[in-house]
Amino acid sequence: MLSPSLEDYLEEVYRFFINKESIRIKDIANTLRVSMPSVVKGLKRLHNLGYITYIPYEDIIVTDKGKRVGKFLVQRNKILKDFVTIIGSDCDVKQEAEAMEHYLSKSTIIAIEKLVKYFSNNEEILKNYKNYKIQSNLDEFK
């Protein structure tokens, strides 16, 4: 199992791969707001685990294993952003999805995906949900 930071590195490597862009350490570091030495360390670990082929000063290659897991990581992020959006949270959607993605089980992600699809395919139910007004038990903490 990958650590949250290794998941982030692999997710970004995969994003560059699917966009047919060069996978550069500097770009990964800028995207994730981490240092380039941290990226190099993460890439070496991903290489040792078989997710990528990383040789300094050569192109980074995503292995089949890396493609499979990378695709899941990108999809997971999109599902969680869609979920936060569809429930109408007024938070920073990108940050909220990032905060959730490493701590939810695959089963929960699949259930959230089904809920998002259900709401998306049932506009009347989504409208009723958005019109549903109930005071949250958390309101007292505002």
C-alpha atoms as a PDB file:
ATOM      1  CA  MET A   1       0.000   0.000   0.000  1.00  0.00           C
ATOM      2  CA  LEU A   2       1.282   3.443  -0.908  1.00  0.00           C
ATOM      3  CA  SER A   3       1.662   6.248   1.597  1.00  0.00           C
ATOM      4  CA  PRO A   4      -0.391   9.404   0.961  1.00  0.00           C
ATOM      5  CA  SER A   5       2.677  11.247  -0.344  1.00  0.00           C
ATOM      6  CA  LEU A   6       3.586   8.424  -2.737  1.00  0.00           C
ATOM      7  CA  GLU A   7      -0.017   8.361  -3.949  1.00  0.00           C
ATOM      8  CA  ASP A   8       0.250  12.089  -4.661  1.00  0.00           C
ATOM      9  CA  TYR A   9       3.493  11.613  -6.618  1.00  0.00           C
ATOM     10  CA  LEU A  10       2.069   8.731  -8.638  1.00  0.00           C
ATOM     11  CA  GLU A  11      -1.175  10.611  -9.298  1.00  0.00           C
ATOM     12  CA  GLU A  12       0.747  13.590 -10.697  1.00  0.00           C
ATOM     13  CA  VAL A  13       3.115  11.389 -12.725  1.00  0.00           C
ATOM     14  CA  TYR A  14       0.074   9.665 -14.209  1.00  0.00           C
ATOM     15  CA  ARG A  15      -1.620  13.011 -14.979  1.00  0.00           C
ATOM     16  CA  PHE A  16       1.447  14.120 -16.960  1.00  0.00           C
ATOM     17  CA  PHE A  17       1.534  10.715 -18.670  1.00  0.00           C
ATOM     18  CA  ILE A  18      -2.127  10.789 -19.799  1.00  0.00           C
ATOM     19  CA  ASN A  19      -1.718  14.365 -21.025  1.00  0.00           C
ATOM     20  CA  LYS A  20       1.284  13.162 -23.048  1.00  0.00           C
ATOM     21  CA  GLU A  21       3.507  15.710 -21.364  1.00  0.00           C
ATOM     22  CA  SER A  22       7.091  15.241 -20.320  1.00  0.00           C
ATOM     23  CA  ILE A  23       7.228  14.079 -16.738  1.00  0.00           C
ATOM     24  CA  ARG A  24       9.678  16.488 -15.127  1.00  0.00           C
ATOM     25  CA  ILE A  25      10.670  16.615 -11.494  1.00  0.00           C
ATOM     26  CA  LYS A  26      10.339  20.396 -11.451  1.00  0.00           C
ATOM     27  CA  ASP A  27       6.730  20.220 -12.712  1.00  0.00           C
ATOM     28  CA  ILE A  28       5.756  17.607 -10.122  1.00  0.00           C
ATOM     29  CA  ALA A  29       7.387  19.680  -7.369  1.00  0.00           C
ATOM     30  CA  ASN A  30       5.555  22.830  -8.492  1.00  0.00           C
ATOM     31  CA  THR A  31       2.199  21.072  -8.771  1.00  0.00           C
ATOM     32  CA  LEU A  32       2.458  19.455  -5.338  1.00  0.00           C
ATOM     33  CA  ARG A  33       4.259  22.411  -3.749  1.00  0.00           C
ATOM     34  CA  VAL A  34       7.121  20.275  -2.482  1.00  0.00           C
ATOM     35  CA  SER A  35      10.874  20.395  -2.987  1.00  0.00           C
ATOM     36  CA  MET A  36      12.567  18.733  -5.936  1.00  0.00           C
ATOM     37  CA  PRO A  37      14.661  16.504  -3.608  1.00  0.00           C
ATOM     38  CA  SER A  38      11.387  15.248  -2.077  1.00  0.00           C
ATOM     39  CA  VAL A  39      10.089  14.401  -5.544  1.00  0.00           C
ATOM     40  CA  VAL A  40      13.291  12.554  -6.432  1.00  0.00           C
ATOM     41  CA  LYS A  41      13.056  10.541  -3.206  1.00  0.00           C
ATOM     42  CA  GLY A  42       9.403   9.704  -3.958  1.00  0.00           C
ATOM     43  CA  LEU A  43      10.173   8.735  -7.558  1.00  0.00           C
ATOM     44  CA  LYS A  44      12.950   6.415  -6.395  1.00  0.00           C
ATOM     45  CA  ARG A  45      10.516   4.729  -4.008  1.00  0.00           C
ATOM     46  CA  LEU A  46       7.874   4.404  -6.761  1.00  0.00           C
ATOM     47  CA  HIS A  47      10.564   2.923  -8.999  1.00  0.00           C
ATOM     48  CA  ASN A  48      11.566   0.398  -6.323  1.00  0.00           C
ATOM     49  CA  LEU A  49       7.909  -0.572  -5.877  1.00  0.00           C
ATOM     50  CA  GLY A  50       7.443  -1.116  -9.623  1.00  0.00           C
ATOM     51  CA  TYR A  51       5.065   1.774 -10.404  1.00  0.00           C
ATOM     52  CA  ILE A  52       7.497   3.687 -12.623  1.00  0.00           C
ATOM     53  CA  THR A  53      10.893   3.365 -14.198  1.00  0.00           C
ATOM     54  CA  TYR A  54      13.025   6.204 -12.920  1.00  0.00           C
ATOM     55  CA  ILE A  55      16.612   6.697 -13.989  1.00  0.00           C
ATOM     56  CA  PRO A  56      18.069  10.160 -13.287  1.00  0.00           C
ATOM     57  CA  TYR A  57      18.268  12.391 -16.387  1.00  0.00           C
ATOM     58  CA  GLU A  58      16.164   9.978 -18.450  1.00  0.00           C
ATOM     59  CA  ASP A  59      12.452   9.913 -19.229  1.00  0.00           C
ATOM     60  CA  ILE A  60      10.214   8.643 -16.446  1.00  0.00           C
ATOM     61  CA  ILE A  61       8.214   5.661 -17.674  1.00  0.00           C
ATOM     62  CA  VAL A  62       4.932   4.601 -16.079  1.00  0.00           C
ATOM     63  CA  THR A  63       4.698   0.821 -15.785  1.00  0.00           C
ATOM     64  CA  ASP A  64       1.463  -1.130 -16.306  1.00  0.00           C
ATOM     65  CA  LYS A  65       1.109  -1.340 -12.526  1.00  0.00           C
ATOM     66  CA  GLY A  66       1.641   2.426 -12.298  1.00  0.00           C
ATOM     67  CA  LYS A  67      -0.924   3.058 -15.038  1.00  0.00           C
ATOM     68  CA  ARG A  68      -3.529   0.920 -13.283  1.00  0.00           C
ATOM     69  CA  VAL A  69      -3.052   2.532  -9.882  1.00  0.00           C
ATOM     70  CA  GLY A  70      -2.509   6.011 -11.325  1.00  0.00           C
ATOM     71  CA  LYS A  71      -5.802   5.785 -13.212  1.00  0.00           C
ATOM     72  CA  PHE A  72      -7.585   4.836  -9.984  1.00  0.00           C
ATOM     73  CA  LEU A  73      -5.965   7.750  -8.104  1.00  0.00           C
ATOM     74  CA  VAL A  74      -7.033  10.281 -10.749  1.00  0.00           C
ATOM     75  CA  GLN A  75     -10.564   8.837 -10.862  1.00  0.00           C
ATOM     76  CA  ARG A  76     -10.783   8.858  -7.070  1.00  0.00           C
ATOM     77  CA  ASN A  77      -9.860  12.529  -6.987  1.00  0.00           C
ATOM     78  CA  LYS A  78     -12.498  13.382  -9.606  1.00  0.00           C
ATOM     79  CA  ILE A  79     -15.182  11.370  -7.792  1.00  0.00           C
ATOM     80  CA  LEU A  80     -14.475  13.194  -4.540  1.00  0.00           C
ATOM     81  CA  LYS A  81     -14.472  16.616  -6.217  1.00  0.00           C
ATOM     82  CA  ASP A  82     -17.777  15.741  -7.891  1.00  0.00           C
ATOM     83  CA  PHE A  83     -19.157  14.602  -4.528  1.00  0.00           C
ATOM     84  CA  VAL A  84     -18.158  17.781  -2.707  1.00  0.00           C
ATOM     85  CA  THR A  85     -19.660  19.826  -5.535  1.00  0.00           C
ATOM     86  CA  ILE A  86     -22.931  17.898  -5.753  1.00  0.00           C
ATOM     87  CA  ILE A  87     -23.618  18.087  -2.011  1.00  0.00           C
ATOM     88  CA  GLY A  88     -23.191  21.844  -2.230  1.00  0.00           C
ATOM     89  CA  SER A  89     -20.345  22.328   0.210  1.00  0.00           C
ATOM     90  CA  ASP A  90     -18.999  25.878   0.194  1.00  0.00           C
ATOM     91  CA  CYS A  91     -15.408  24.756   0.766  1.00  0.00           C
ATOM     92  CA  ASP A  92     -12.436  24.743  -1.598  1.00  0.00           C
ATOM     93  CA  VAL A  93     -13.418  21.664  -3.625  1.00  0.00           C
ATOM     94  CA  LYS A  94      -9.872  20.742  -4.648  1.00  0.00           C
ATOM     95  CA  GLN A  95      -8.512  20.991  -1.094  1.00  0.00           C
ATOM     96  CA  GLU A  96     -11.464  19.085   0.352  1.00  0.00           C
ATOM     97  CA  ALA A  97     -11.049  16.213  -2.108  1.00  0.00           C
ATOM     98  CA  GLU A  98      -7.319  16.123  -1.325  1.00  0.00           C
ATOM     99  CA  ALA A  99      -8.057  15.967   2.386  1.00  0.00           C
ATOM    100  CA  MET A 100     -10.458  13.046   1.989  1.00  0.00           C
ATOM    101  CA  GLU A 101      -8.843  10.924  -0.687  1.00  0.00           C
ATOM    102  CA  HIS A 102      -6.126   9.226   1.346  1.00  0.00           C
ATOM    103  CA  TYR A 103      -8.347   8.227   4.232  1.00  0.00           C
ATOM    104  CA  LEU A 104     -11.377   6.654   2.599  1.00  0.00           C
ATOM    105  CA  SER A 105     -11.522   2.982   1.700  1.00  0.00           C
ATOM    106  CA  LYS A 106     -12.004   1.835  -1.870  1.00  0.00           C
ATOM    107  CA  SER A 107     -15.455   0.583  -0.855  1.00  0.00           C
ATOM    108  CA  THR A 108     -16.431   4.051   0.396  1.00  0.00           C
ATOM    109  CA  ILE A 109     -15.091   5.680  -2.783  1.00  0.00           C
ATOM    110  CA  ILE A 110     -17.218   3.298  -4.867  1.00  0.00           C
ATOM    111  CA  ALA A 111     -20.293   4.090  -2.743  1.00  0.00           C
ATOM    112  CA  ILE A 112     -19.666   7.831  -3.149  1.00  0.00           C
ATOM    113  CA  GLU A 113     -19.279   7.340  -6.903  1.00  0.00           C
ATOM    114  CA  LYS A 114     -22.648   5.571  -7.031  1.00  0.00           C
ATOM    115  CA  LEU A 115     -24.272   8.349  -4.997  1.00  0.00           C
ATOM    116  CA  VAL A 116     -22.862  11.023  -7.319  1.00  0.00           C
ATOM    117  CA  LYS A 117     -24.094   9.091 -10.369  1.00  0.00           C
ATOM    118  CA  TYR A 118     -27.490   8.604  -8.729  1.00  0.00           C
ATOM    119  CA  PHE A 119     -27.872  12.323  -8.014  1.00  0.00           C
ATOM    120  CA  SER A 120     -26.575  13.209 -11.495  1.00  0.00           C
ATOM    121  CA  ASN A 121     -29.069  10.888 -13.175  1.00  0.00           C
ATOM    122  CA  ASN A 122     -32.020  11.945 -11.007  1.00  0.00           C
ATOM    123  CA  GLU A 123     -32.289  15.706 -11.293  1.00  0.00           C
ATOM    124  CA  GLU A 124     -35.551  15.885  -9.356  1.00  0.00           C
ATOM    125  CA  ILE A 125     -34.044  14.058  -6.380  1.00  0.00           C
ATOM    126  CA  LEU A 126     -30.966  16.294  -6.543  1.00  0.00           C
ATOM    127  CA  LYS A 127     -33.224  19.340  -6.631  1.00  0.00           C
ATOM    128  CA  ASN A 128     -35.162  18.029  -3.609  1.00  0.00           C
ATOM    129  CA  TYR A 129     -31.901  17.409  -1.768  1.00  0.00           C
ATOM    130  CA  LYS A 130     -30.702  20.956  -2.471  1.00  0.00           C
ATOM    131  CA  ASN A 131     -34.032  22.358  -1.317  1.00  0.00           C
ATOM    132  CA  TYR A 132     -34.014  20.237   1.821  1.00  0.00           C
ATOM    133  CA  LYS A 133     -33.279  22.535   4.711  1.00  0.00           C
ATOM    134  CA  ILE A 134     -32.355  21.084   8.037  1.00  0.00           C
ATOM    135  CA  GLN A 135     -30.213  22.650  10.669  1.00  0.00           C
ATOM    136  CA  SER A 136     -27.022  20.727  11.158  1.00  0.00           C
ATOM    137  CA  ASN A 137     -25.964  19.609  14.610  1.00  0.00           C
ATOM    138  CA  LEU A 138     -22.659  21.274  13.734  1.00  0.00           C
ATOM    139  CA  ASP A 139     -24.264  24.739  13.397  1.00  0.00           C
ATOM    140  CA  GLU A 140     -23.694  25.357  17.092  1.00  0.00           C
ATOM    141  CA  PHE A 141     -19.917  25.258  16.460  1.00  0.00           C
ATOM    142  CA  LYS A 142     -19.922  28.168  13.983  1.00  0.00           C
END
